[in-house]
N, C-alpha and C. Protein backbone atom coordinates (compact mmCIF):
# COMPACT_ATOMS: atom_id res chain seq x y z
N MET A 1 103.13 88.39 -43.85
CA MET A 1 102.84 87.11 -43.39
C MET A 1 102.54 86.13 -44.40
N LEU A 2 103.17 84.84 -44.36
CA LEU A 2 102.82 83.86 -45.31
C LEU A 2 101.63 83.06 -44.91
N LYS A 3 100.75 82.86 -45.92
CA LYS A 3 99.74 82.24 -45.77
C LYS A 3 99.74 80.62 -46.15
N ARG A 4 99.54 79.78 -45.31
CA ARG A 4 99.72 78.32 -45.63
C ARG A 4 98.25 77.81 -46.31
N SER A 5 98.59 77.05 -47.36
CA SER A 5 97.46 76.38 -47.91
C SER A 5 97.00 75.17 -47.13
N LYS A 6 95.71 74.75 -47.43
CA LYS A 6 95.20 73.54 -46.91
C LYS A 6 95.88 72.22 -47.29
N PHE A 7 96.52 72.40 -48.50
CA PHE A 7 97.14 71.15 -49.04
C PHE A 7 98.69 70.98 -48.45
N GLU A 8 99.40 72.13 -47.98
CA GLU A 8 100.46 72.06 -47.20
C GLU A 8 100.29 71.39 -45.90
N THR A 9 99.19 71.87 -45.24
CA THR A 9 98.90 71.09 -43.88
C THR A 9 98.64 69.65 -44.11
N THR A 10 98.00 69.22 -45.02
CA THR A 10 97.68 67.94 -45.41
C THR A 10 99.08 67.16 -45.61
N GLN A 11 99.84 67.81 -46.22
CA GLN A 11 101.06 67.14 -46.71
C GLN A 11 101.96 66.84 -45.29
N THR A 12 101.85 67.86 -44.42
CA THR A 12 102.52 67.70 -43.21
C THR A 12 101.96 66.62 -42.30
N GLN A 13 100.67 66.60 -42.33
CA GLN A 13 99.96 65.54 -41.51
C GLN A 13 100.33 64.22 -42.14
N ILE A 14 100.45 63.91 -43.48
CA ILE A 14 100.54 62.81 -44.19
C ILE A 14 102.08 62.31 -43.83
N MET A 15 103.07 63.33 -43.68
CA MET A 15 104.36 62.95 -43.51
C MET A 15 104.51 62.35 -42.04
N HIS A 16 103.68 63.01 -41.07
CA HIS A 16 103.71 62.54 -39.70
C HIS A 16 103.15 61.15 -39.63
N ARG A 17 102.06 61.02 -40.36
CA ARG A 17 101.47 59.70 -40.35
C ARG A 17 102.44 58.57 -40.82
N ALA A 18 103.12 59.00 -41.93
CA ALA A 18 104.13 57.92 -42.55
C ALA A 18 105.34 57.74 -41.50
N GLU A 19 105.74 58.77 -40.85
CA GLU A 19 106.75 58.61 -39.88
C GLU A 19 106.14 57.80 -38.68
N GLU A 20 104.94 57.88 -38.22
CA GLU A 20 104.44 56.97 -37.32
C GLU A 20 104.43 55.40 -37.66
N LEU A 21 104.05 55.19 -38.78
CA LEU A 21 104.14 53.82 -39.46
C LEU A 21 105.47 53.26 -39.44
N ILE A 22 106.28 54.05 -39.89
CA ILE A 22 107.63 53.55 -39.89
C ILE A 22 108.29 53.26 -38.64
N GLY A 23 108.00 54.18 -37.72
CA GLY A 23 108.45 54.09 -36.39
C GLY A 23 107.86 52.80 -35.62
N ALA A 24 106.63 52.70 -35.90
CA ALA A 24 106.02 51.53 -35.25
C ALA A 24 106.34 50.02 -35.81
N ALA A 25 106.66 50.08 -36.89
CA ALA A 25 107.09 48.90 -37.60
C ALA A 25 108.48 48.17 -37.37
N SER A 26 108.58 46.99 -37.31
CA SER A 26 109.93 46.40 -36.87
C SER A 26 110.81 46.26 -38.12
N ASN A 27 110.20 46.38 -39.45
CA ASN A 27 110.93 46.37 -40.55
C ASN A 27 110.52 47.47 -41.61
N ARG A 28 111.35 48.39 -41.84
CA ARG A 28 110.93 49.56 -42.64
C ARG A 28 110.65 49.12 -44.07
N TYR A 29 111.30 48.19 -44.49
CA TYR A 29 111.09 47.81 -46.02
C TYR A 29 109.73 46.93 -46.04
N ARG A 30 109.53 46.27 -45.04
CA ARG A 30 107.95 45.35 -44.98
C ARG A 30 106.92 46.51 -44.96
N ILE A 31 106.96 47.47 -44.26
CA ILE A 31 105.96 48.34 -44.05
C ILE A 31 105.76 49.19 -45.34
N THR A 32 106.93 49.59 -46.01
CA THR A 32 106.87 50.20 -47.26
C THR A 32 106.21 49.28 -48.43
N VAL A 33 106.57 48.05 -48.42
CA VAL A 33 105.83 47.07 -49.29
C VAL A 33 104.47 47.01 -48.95
N GLN A 34 104.12 46.95 -47.78
CA GLN A 34 102.65 46.88 -47.35
C GLN A 34 101.74 47.95 -47.91
N VAL A 35 102.50 49.29 -47.66
CA VAL A 35 101.79 50.47 -48.11
C VAL A 35 101.47 50.37 -49.61
N ALA A 36 102.57 50.08 -50.30
CA ALA A 36 102.45 49.89 -51.82
C ALA A 36 101.63 48.94 -52.27
N ASN A 37 101.52 47.74 -51.70
CA ASN A 37 100.54 46.79 -51.94
C ASN A 37 99.15 47.16 -51.80
N ARG A 38 98.88 47.85 -50.61
CA ARG A 38 97.58 48.26 -50.39
C ARG A 38 97.09 49.38 -51.32
N ALA A 39 97.96 50.23 -51.68
CA ALA A 39 97.78 51.35 -52.57
C ALA A 39 97.46 50.71 -54.07
N LYS A 40 98.23 49.69 -54.36
CA LYS A 40 97.92 49.13 -55.66
C LYS A 40 96.58 48.30 -55.70
N ARG A 41 96.28 47.62 -54.80
CA ARG A 41 95.10 46.96 -54.47
C ARG A 41 93.86 48.02 -54.60
N ARG A 42 93.97 49.10 -53.73
CA ARG A 42 92.85 50.03 -53.79
C ARG A 42 92.66 50.73 -54.98
N ARG A 43 93.74 50.91 -55.70
CA ARG A 43 93.70 51.51 -56.99
C ARG A 43 92.86 50.81 -58.04
N TYR A 44 93.03 49.42 -58.14
CA TYR A 44 92.28 48.80 -59.00
C TYR A 44 90.90 48.43 -58.40
N GLU A 45 90.76 48.32 -57.15
CA GLU A 45 89.33 48.28 -56.58
C GLU A 45 88.48 49.46 -56.75
N ASP A 46 89.00 50.57 -56.62
CA ASP A 46 88.34 51.93 -56.72
C ASP A 46 88.40 52.58 -58.04
N PHE A 47 88.71 51.86 -58.96
CA PHE A 47 88.95 52.51 -60.35
C PHE A 47 87.65 53.13 -60.85
N ASP A 48 86.44 52.45 -60.72
CA ASP A 48 85.38 52.92 -61.09
C ASP A 48 84.80 54.00 -60.11
N ASN A 49 85.10 53.92 -58.83
CA ASN A 49 84.58 54.74 -57.84
C ASN A 49 85.65 55.71 -57.36
N ILE A 50 85.51 56.82 -58.12
CA ILE A 50 86.45 57.83 -57.80
C ILE A 50 85.66 59.01 -56.77
N ASP A 51 86.05 58.82 -55.55
CA ASP A 51 85.46 59.65 -54.78
C ASP A 51 86.26 61.06 -54.65
N ASP A 52 87.48 60.97 -54.57
CA ASP A 52 88.27 62.15 -54.25
C ASP A 52 89.43 62.05 -55.37
N PRO A 53 89.35 62.78 -56.48
CA PRO A 53 90.38 62.61 -57.48
C PRO A 53 91.80 63.21 -56.91
N MET A 54 91.88 64.13 -55.92
CA MET A 54 93.06 64.48 -55.46
C MET A 54 93.67 63.65 -54.45
N MET A 55 92.99 62.64 -53.97
CA MET A 55 93.60 61.71 -52.94
C MET A 55 94.24 60.49 -53.76
N LYS A 56 95.49 60.55 -53.84
CA LYS A 56 96.22 59.31 -54.43
C LYS A 56 96.20 58.16 -53.67
N PRO A 57 96.12 56.94 -54.37
CA PRO A 57 96.20 55.66 -53.68
C PRO A 57 97.27 55.63 -52.58
N VAL A 58 98.34 55.95 -52.84
CA VAL A 58 99.36 55.87 -51.80
C VAL A 58 99.02 56.59 -50.54
N ILE A 59 98.62 57.83 -50.73
CA ILE A 59 98.33 58.73 -49.59
C ILE A 59 97.09 58.24 -48.97
N ARG A 60 96.05 57.55 -49.62
CA ARG A 60 94.90 57.04 -48.88
C ARG A 60 95.45 55.69 -48.16
N ALA A 61 96.22 54.97 -48.67
CA ALA A 61 96.83 53.73 -48.00
C ALA A 61 97.55 54.13 -46.62
N ILE A 62 98.36 55.30 -46.71
CA ILE A 62 99.07 55.75 -45.42
C ILE A 62 98.12 56.18 -44.43
N ILE A 63 97.05 57.01 -44.97
CA ILE A 63 96.13 57.35 -43.91
C ILE A 63 95.39 56.16 -43.30
N GLU A 64 94.91 55.18 -44.20
CA GLU A 64 94.29 54.11 -43.61
C GLU A 64 95.13 53.24 -42.52
N MET A 65 96.23 53.03 -42.94
CA MET A 65 97.22 52.09 -42.22
C MET A 65 97.57 52.95 -40.80
N SER A 66 97.68 54.14 -40.94
CA SER A 66 98.02 54.93 -39.59
C SER A 66 96.67 54.96 -38.81
N ASP A 67 95.63 55.12 -39.35
CA ASP A 67 94.36 54.94 -38.60
C ASP A 67 94.10 53.59 -37.95
N GLU A 68 94.53 52.57 -38.60
CA GLU A 68 94.62 51.22 -38.01
C GLU A 68 95.41 51.15 -36.93
N LEU A 69 96.55 51.66 -36.89
CA LEU A 69 97.68 51.76 -35.92
C LEU A 69 97.19 52.45 -34.76
N THR A 70 96.69 53.58 -34.90
CA THR A 70 96.27 54.34 -33.78
C THR A 70 94.85 53.97 -33.21
N GLN A 71 93.93 53.34 -34.02
CA GLN A 71 92.57 53.06 -33.69
C GLN A 71 92.31 51.59 -34.00
N PRO A 72 92.86 50.70 -33.35
CA PRO A 72 92.66 49.25 -33.52
C PRO A 72 91.21 48.74 -33.63
N GLU A 73 90.33 49.42 -32.98
CA GLU A 73 88.86 49.22 -33.01
C GLU A 73 88.25 49.36 -34.18
N ILE A 74 88.79 50.09 -35.23
CA ILE A 74 88.15 50.21 -36.55
C ILE A 74 88.48 49.08 -37.49
N ILE A 75 89.55 48.14 -37.16
CA ILE A 75 89.78 47.05 -37.99
C ILE A 75 88.50 45.96 -37.79
N GLY A 76 88.14 45.61 -38.89
CA GLY A 76 86.93 44.69 -38.91
C GLY A 76 87.44 43.34 -39.35
N GLU A 77 87.24 42.33 -38.51
CA GLU A 77 87.83 40.92 -38.83
C GLU A 77 86.74 40.06 -39.23
């Protein structure tokens, strides 16, 4: 029996979230740029506040954007 690690499951979940984002977007290039810009912005905003060193800015951006897509009530305007 092969034992799956927690990180592999997380990678699978992130891939599914990224696919959902791309599927919901009208333009694949634009959503890719939006994810990159958010990751870049978060990287510099959270430079001093390192909550989870294993969570890369791009992964965090994908998770946040997919949450906003599936749960629009969490978006604060």
